[in-house]
Amino acid sequence: MKGIRFLVDEAGKKTAVMIDLEDHGELWEDFYDALIAEERVGEPRESLDSVREKLQKQGKLNAGV
């Protein structure tokens, strides 16, 4: 596949991949976003209402939005 190159070990096993970001930049962004989401699975969550309230108090969000 154009723009994708695999690095292999002595046994021929694929160990890494190089991606041409000019050809596959969007694919890399999606892959990276998925990794970040997976890494954050166990983190505490905050409700949308709570975030809105904090932003309104900071003057960064209009009331009623």
Protein backbone atom coordinates (compact mmCIF):
# COMPACT_ATOMS: atom_id res chain seq x y z
CA MET A 1 0.00 0.00 0.00
CA LYS A 2 1.38 3.40 -0.95
CA GLY A 3 2.53 5.44 2.05
CA ILE A 4 2.61 2.50 4.49
CA ARG A 5 5.88 0.74 5.39
CA PHE A 6 6.41 -2.01 7.94
CA LEU A 7 9.52 -2.56 10.01
CA VAL A 8 10.28 -6.20 10.65
CA ASP A 9 12.55 -8.04 13.05
CA GLU A 10 15.11 -10.70 12.15
CA ALA A 11 12.37 -13.34 11.94
CA GLY A 12 10.32 -11.24 9.52
CA LYS A 13 7.69 -10.38 12.15
CA LYS A 14 6.17 -6.92 11.76
CA THR A 15 7.19 -4.79 14.74
CA ALA A 16 6.32 -1.25 13.69
CA VAL A 17 4.75 0.77 10.92
CA MET A 18 5.69 4.03 9.24
CA ILE A 19 2.82 6.05 7.83
CA ASP A 20 3.27 8.83 5.29
CA LEU A 21 1.22 11.57 6.92
CA GLU A 22 0.77 13.41 3.63
CA ASP A 23 -1.04 10.36 2.24
CA HIS A 24 -2.69 9.09 5.43
CA GLY A 25 -2.80 11.99 7.90
CA GLU A 26 -6.52 11.56 8.61
CA LEU A 27 -6.04 7.84 9.25
CA TRP A 28 -3.27 8.62 11.73
CA GLU A 29 -5.45 11.18 13.54
CA ASP A 30 -8.25 8.62 13.90
CA PHE A 31 -5.82 5.97 15.14
CA TYR A 32 -4.23 8.38 17.63
CA ASP A 33 -7.64 9.55 18.91
CA ALA A 34 -8.64 5.91 19.49
CA LEU A 35 -5.44 5.30 21.47
CA ILE A 36 -6.06 8.35 23.65
CA ALA A 37 -9.68 7.30 24.27
CA GLU A 38 -8.57 3.78 25.22
CA GLU A 39 -5.94 5.19 27.58
CA ARG A 40 -8.58 7.30 29.35
CA VAL A 41 -11.22 4.60 29.82
CA GLY A 42 -10.81 4.43 33.60
CA GLU A 43 -10.67 8.18 34.20
CA PRO A 44 -13.52 9.85 36.09
CA ARG A 45 -16.16 11.50 33.94
CA GLU A 46 -17.93 14.80 34.29
CA SER A 47 -21.48 15.45 33.13
CA LEU A 48 -22.16 17.92 30.33
CA ASP A 49 -24.34 19.97 32.69
CA SER A 50 -21.46 20.24 35.16
CA VAL A 51 -19.08 21.41 32.43
CA ARG A 52 -21.61 23.96 31.16
CA GLU A 53 -22.11 25.31 34.68
CA LYS A 54 -18.35 25.74 35.19
CA LEU A 55 -17.96 27.49 31.83
CA GLN A 56 -20.86 29.83 32.59
CA LYS A 57 -19.31 30.75 35.95
CA GLN A 58 -16.04 31.54 34.16
CA GLY A 59 -17.90 33.70 31.63
CA LYS A 60 -16.88 31.42 28.76
CA LEU A 61 -20.40 30.30 27.89
CA ASN A 62 -23.60 32.31 27.58
CA ALA A 63 -26.42 31.33 29.93
CA GLY A 64 -29.17 29.37 28.19
CA VAL A 65 -26.82 27.62 25.76
